N, C-alpha and C. Protein backbone atom coordinates (compact mmCIF):
# COMPACT_ATOMS: atom_id res chain seq x y z
N MET A 1 30.74 64.26 180.13
CA MET A 1 29.85 63.72 179.12
C MET A 1 29.76 64.67 177.93
N ARG A 2 29.74 65.96 178.21
CA ARG A 2 29.67 66.92 177.10
C ARG A 2 30.88 66.77 176.17
N LYS A 3 32.05 66.56 176.75
CA LYS A 3 33.26 66.40 175.94
C LYS A 3 33.15 65.13 175.10
N TYR A 4 32.69 64.03 175.70
CA TYR A 4 32.53 62.77 174.98
C TYR A 4 31.54 62.96 173.83
N LEU A 5 30.41 63.59 174.09
CA LEU A 5 29.40 63.79 173.04
C LEU A 5 29.89 64.71 171.94
N SER A 6 30.78 65.66 172.28
CA SER A 6 31.30 66.55 171.24
C SER A 6 32.19 65.80 170.26
N PHE A 7 32.85 64.73 170.73
CA PHE A 7 33.69 63.91 169.85
C PHE A 7 32.92 62.78 169.18
N HIS A 8 31.70 62.52 169.63
CA HIS A 8 30.88 61.44 169.08
C HIS A 8 29.49 61.97 168.73
N PRO A 9 29.40 62.77 167.67
CA PRO A 9 28.11 63.38 167.31
C PRO A 9 27.04 62.35 166.95
N GLU A 10 27.45 61.13 166.57
CA GLU A 10 26.46 60.10 166.23
C GLU A 10 25.66 59.67 167.46
N GLU A 11 26.17 59.97 168.64
CA GLU A 11 25.47 59.61 169.87
C GLU A 11 24.75 60.80 170.49
N GLN A 12 24.62 61.86 169.76
CA GLN A 12 23.93 63.04 170.26
C GLN A 12 22.44 62.75 170.36
N PHE A 13 21.93 62.88 171.54
CA PHE A 13 20.50 62.75 171.77
C PHE A 13 20.00 64.10 172.25
N SER A 14 18.74 64.25 172.34
CA SER A 14 18.21 65.54 172.79
C SER A 14 18.12 65.55 174.32
N PHE A 15 19.28 65.75 174.95
CA PHE A 15 19.34 65.85 176.40
C PHE A 15 19.11 67.28 176.82
N THR A 16 18.40 67.45 177.93
CA THR A 16 18.25 68.79 178.49
C THR A 16 19.55 69.17 179.18
N SER A 17 19.71 70.44 179.47
CA SER A 17 20.94 70.87 180.15
C SER A 17 21.03 70.24 181.55
N GLU A 18 19.88 70.00 182.19
CA GLU A 18 19.88 69.35 183.50
C GLU A 18 20.37 67.90 183.39
N GLU A 19 19.92 67.20 182.33
CA GLU A 19 20.36 65.83 182.12
C GLU A 19 21.86 65.78 181.83
N LEU A 20 22.34 66.72 181.02
CA LEU A 20 23.77 66.76 180.73
C LEU A 20 24.59 67.05 181.99
N ASP A 21 24.08 67.94 182.84
CA ASP A 21 24.76 68.21 184.11
C ASP A 21 24.83 66.95 184.96
N MET A 22 23.73 66.21 185.01
CA MET A 22 23.66 64.98 185.78
C MET A 22 24.59 63.93 185.20
N LEU A 23 24.61 63.79 183.87
CA LEU A 23 25.51 62.82 183.23
C LEU A 23 26.97 63.19 183.45
N ASP A 24 27.28 64.49 183.41
CA ASP A 24 28.64 64.95 183.72
C ASP A 24 29.03 64.55 185.14
N ALA A 25 28.08 64.73 186.07
CA ALA A 25 28.35 64.37 187.47
C ALA A 25 28.56 62.87 187.62
N LEU A 26 27.79 62.06 186.88
CA LEU A 26 27.95 60.60 186.94
C LEU A 26 29.33 60.20 186.41
N VAL A 27 29.76 60.80 185.31
CA VAL A 27 31.09 60.50 184.75
C VAL A 27 32.16 60.88 185.77
N THR A 28 32.03 62.02 186.39
CA THR A 28 33.00 62.47 187.38
C THR A 28 33.06 61.50 188.55
N ARG A 29 31.89 61.01 189.01
CA ARG A 29 31.86 60.05 190.12
C ARG A 29 32.56 58.75 189.74
N VAL A 30 32.24 58.22 188.56
CA VAL A 30 32.84 56.96 188.13
C VAL A 30 34.34 57.11 187.95
N VAL A 31 34.77 58.20 187.33
CA VAL A 31 36.20 58.44 187.13
C VAL A 31 36.91 58.55 188.48
N GLY A 32 36.27 59.18 189.45
CA GLY A 32 36.86 59.29 190.78
C GLY A 32 36.95 57.95 191.50
N ILE A 33 35.89 57.16 191.42
CA ILE A 33 35.87 55.85 192.07
C ILE A 33 36.93 54.94 191.48
N LEU A 34 37.06 54.95 190.16
CA LEU A 34 37.99 54.06 189.48
C LEU A 34 39.40 54.65 189.36
N ASP A 35 39.56 55.90 189.78
CA ASP A 35 40.84 56.59 189.69
C ASP A 35 41.39 56.57 188.26
N ILE A 36 40.53 56.96 187.33
CA ILE A 36 40.88 56.97 185.90
C ILE A 36 41.64 58.25 185.59
N THR A 37 42.77 58.09 184.91
CA THR A 37 43.55 59.25 184.47
C THR A 37 43.68 59.28 182.95
N ASP A 38 43.54 58.13 182.31
CA ASP A 38 43.67 58.03 180.86
C ASP A 38 42.40 58.55 180.18
N GLU A 39 42.59 59.40 179.18
CA GLU A 39 41.45 60.00 178.48
C GLU A 39 40.60 58.96 177.76
N ARG A 40 41.22 57.93 177.20
CA ARG A 40 40.44 56.88 176.52
C ARG A 40 39.57 56.11 177.50
N GLU A 41 40.09 55.84 178.69
CA GLU A 41 39.29 55.15 179.69
C GLU A 41 38.15 56.04 180.17
N ARG A 42 38.41 57.34 180.25
CA ARG A 42 37.35 58.27 180.64
C ARG A 42 36.24 58.26 179.58
N ASP A 43 36.62 58.26 178.31
CA ASP A 43 35.62 58.19 177.23
C ASP A 43 34.85 56.88 177.29
N GLU A 44 35.55 55.80 177.62
CA GLU A 44 34.90 54.50 177.74
C GLU A 44 33.88 54.52 178.88
N ALA A 45 34.24 55.15 180.00
CA ALA A 45 33.32 55.27 181.13
C ALA A 45 32.10 56.11 180.73
N ALA A 46 32.33 57.18 179.99
CA ALA A 46 31.21 58.03 179.53
C ALA A 46 30.29 57.25 178.60
N ALA A 47 30.87 56.48 177.69
CA ALA A 47 30.05 55.67 176.77
C ALA A 47 29.25 54.63 177.54
N ARG A 48 29.87 54.04 178.53
CA ARG A 48 29.18 53.03 179.34
C ARG A 48 28.00 53.66 180.08
N ILE A 49 28.24 54.83 180.67
CA ILE A 49 27.16 55.52 181.40
C ILE A 49 26.04 55.88 180.44
N LEU A 50 26.39 56.36 179.26
CA LEU A 50 25.39 56.71 178.27
C LEU A 50 24.56 55.49 177.87
N SER A 51 25.21 54.33 177.76
CA SER A 51 24.48 53.12 177.39
C SER A 51 23.59 52.60 178.52
N LEU A 52 23.94 52.91 179.77
CA LEU A 52 23.16 52.45 180.91
C LEU A 52 22.04 53.41 181.30
N TYR A 53 22.17 54.66 180.89
CA TYR A 53 21.20 55.69 181.31
C TYR A 53 20.00 55.73 180.39
N THR A 54 18.83 55.69 180.98
CA THR A 54 17.58 55.98 180.27
C THR A 54 16.71 56.81 181.20
N PRO A 55 16.12 57.87 180.71
CA PRO A 55 15.27 58.69 181.58
C PRO A 55 14.16 57.84 182.20
N GLY A 56 14.03 57.90 183.51
CA GLY A 56 13.00 57.14 184.20
C GLY A 56 13.36 55.68 184.41
N GLY A 57 14.57 55.27 184.02
CA GLY A 57 15.01 53.88 184.17
C GLY A 57 15.74 53.68 185.48
N ARG A 58 16.99 53.30 185.39
CA ARG A 58 17.80 53.05 186.58
C ARG A 58 18.06 54.34 187.35
N SER A 59 18.24 54.18 188.66
CA SER A 59 18.59 55.34 189.48
C SER A 59 20.03 55.72 189.17
N PHE A 60 20.42 56.92 189.57
CA PHE A 60 21.78 57.39 189.32
C PHE A 60 22.80 56.50 190.03
N ASP A 61 22.46 56.08 191.25
CA ASP A 61 23.36 55.20 192.00
C ASP A 61 23.52 53.86 191.29
N GLU A 62 22.43 53.33 190.71
CA GLU A 62 22.52 52.07 189.96
C GLU A 62 23.42 52.22 188.74
N VAL A 63 23.29 53.34 188.04
CA VAL A 63 24.12 53.58 186.86
C VAL A 63 25.59 53.62 187.25
N VAL A 64 25.91 54.31 188.34
CA VAL A 64 27.30 54.40 188.80
C VAL A 64 27.80 53.01 189.20
N GLU A 65 26.99 52.29 189.98
CA GLU A 65 27.40 50.95 190.44
C GLU A 65 27.65 50.02 189.26
N LEU A 66 26.76 50.03 188.29
CA LEU A 66 26.92 49.16 187.12
C LEU A 66 28.12 49.57 186.27
N ALA A 67 28.31 50.86 186.08
CA ALA A 67 29.44 51.33 185.27
C ALA A 67 30.76 50.93 185.92
N VAL A 68 30.85 51.05 187.23
CA VAL A 68 32.08 50.67 187.94
C VAL A 68 32.29 49.17 187.84
N ARG A 69 31.23 48.40 188.07
CA ARG A 69 31.36 46.94 188.02
C ARG A 69 31.74 46.45 186.63
N LEU A 70 31.11 46.99 185.61
CA LEU A 70 31.42 46.58 184.24
C LEU A 70 32.84 46.97 183.85
N HIS A 71 33.29 48.13 184.31
CA HIS A 71 34.67 48.55 184.02
C HIS A 71 35.67 47.59 184.66
N LYS A 72 35.40 47.23 185.91
CA LYS A 72 36.31 46.32 186.61
C LYS A 72 36.31 44.93 185.98
N GLN A 73 35.17 44.52 185.40
CA GLN A 73 35.07 43.21 184.77
C GLN A 73 35.65 43.22 183.36
N GLY A 74 35.92 44.39 182.85
CA GLY A 74 36.52 44.49 181.52
C GLY A 74 35.51 44.53 180.40
N SER A 75 34.25 44.78 180.69
CA SER A 75 33.24 44.88 179.64
C SER A 75 33.27 46.27 179.04
N THR A 76 33.13 46.34 177.74
CA THR A 76 33.06 47.63 177.07
C THR A 76 31.65 47.84 176.54
N PRO A 77 31.24 49.08 176.28
CA PRO A 77 29.90 49.33 175.80
C PRO A 77 29.56 48.58 174.51
N GLY A 78 30.55 48.35 173.65
CA GLY A 78 30.27 47.67 172.38
C GLY A 78 30.64 46.20 172.37
N GLY A 79 31.12 45.68 173.46
CA GLY A 79 31.52 44.28 173.49
C GLY A 79 32.38 44.00 174.70
N ARG A 80 33.16 42.92 174.64
CA ARG A 80 33.99 42.55 175.79
C ARG A 80 35.46 42.67 175.42
N ARG A 81 36.26 43.06 176.39
CA ARG A 81 37.69 43.16 176.13
C ARG A 81 38.50 42.21 177.01
N SER A 82 37.83 41.35 177.76
CA SER A 82 38.57 40.42 178.60
C SER A 82 38.17 38.99 178.27
N ASP A 83 39.01 38.07 178.70
CA ASP A 83 38.72 36.65 178.49
C ASP A 83 38.02 36.03 179.69
N GLY A 84 37.70 36.83 180.68
CA GLY A 84 37.04 36.32 181.87
C GLY A 84 35.61 35.90 181.57
N PRO A 85 34.94 35.31 182.55
CA PRO A 85 33.56 34.89 182.32
C PRO A 85 32.65 36.09 182.07
N SER A 86 31.58 35.87 181.36
CA SER A 86 30.63 36.94 181.08
C SER A 86 30.03 37.43 182.38
N PRO A 87 29.75 38.74 182.48
CA PRO A 87 29.17 39.26 183.71
C PRO A 87 27.74 38.76 183.89
N GLU A 88 27.33 38.67 185.13
CA GLU A 88 25.96 38.27 185.44
C GLU A 88 25.01 39.35 184.91
N ARG A 89 23.89 38.92 184.39
CA ARG A 89 22.92 39.87 183.87
C ARG A 89 22.42 40.77 185.00
N ILE A 90 22.37 42.03 184.74
CA ILE A 90 21.97 43.01 185.74
C ILE A 90 20.54 43.44 185.44
N ARG A 91 19.67 43.25 186.39
CA ARG A 91 18.26 43.58 186.20
C ARG A 91 17.87 44.76 187.08
N THR A 92 16.93 45.53 186.59
CA THR A 92 16.41 46.64 187.38
C THR A 92 15.40 46.07 188.36
N GLU A 93 15.05 46.87 189.35
CA GLU A 93 14.07 46.44 190.34
C GLU A 93 12.73 46.10 189.67
N ARG A 94 12.36 46.86 188.68
CA ARG A 94 11.10 46.61 187.96
C ARG A 94 11.14 45.25 187.25
N GLN A 95 12.28 44.93 186.62
CA GLN A 95 12.41 43.63 185.96
C GLN A 95 12.35 42.50 186.97
N ARG A 96 12.97 42.68 188.13
CA ARG A 96 12.94 41.64 189.16
C ARG A 96 11.51 41.37 189.62
N ARG A 97 10.74 42.44 189.84
CA ARG A 97 9.34 42.26 190.27
C ARG A 97 8.54 41.53 189.20
N ARG A 98 8.72 41.90 187.96
CA ARG A 98 7.98 41.27 186.86
C ARG A 98 8.34 39.78 186.76
N LEU A 99 9.61 39.47 186.90
CA LEU A 99 10.03 38.07 186.82
C LEU A 99 9.49 37.26 188.00
N SER A 100 9.45 37.86 189.19
CA SER A 100 8.94 37.11 190.34
C SER A 100 7.44 36.87 190.20
N LYS A 101 6.70 37.77 189.55
CA LYS A 101 5.27 37.56 189.31
C LYS A 101 5.03 36.43 188.33
N LYS A 102 5.90 36.31 187.31
CA LYS A 102 5.74 35.25 186.32
C LYS A 102 5.99 33.88 186.91
N LYS A 103 6.89 33.79 187.88
CA LYS A 103 7.23 32.50 188.47
C LYS A 103 6.12 31.97 189.36
N THR A 104 5.30 32.86 189.91
CA THR A 104 4.23 32.42 190.81
C THR A 104 2.93 32.16 190.09
């Protein structure tokens, strides 16, 4: 993640060193799961993780799961790169609880 952010200063946020370590670990996990060797795909995975991560939001496992699923579906952080059907909307546990309360 640090390497990705060094090449994309417009996406620099005020992350703590602990958050950057965690984001680096998430990128490494996703790259390992997907067996990514291409640097552009690695940057795409880092951008996807950055777009999915919010402090206090999704768990780290959810971020990894979503990043892997979106990569396999061909979705990119800024749009879509495949002609397949749009991915199903992914909701957090908090959103699911809120929606179930509204229905009742």
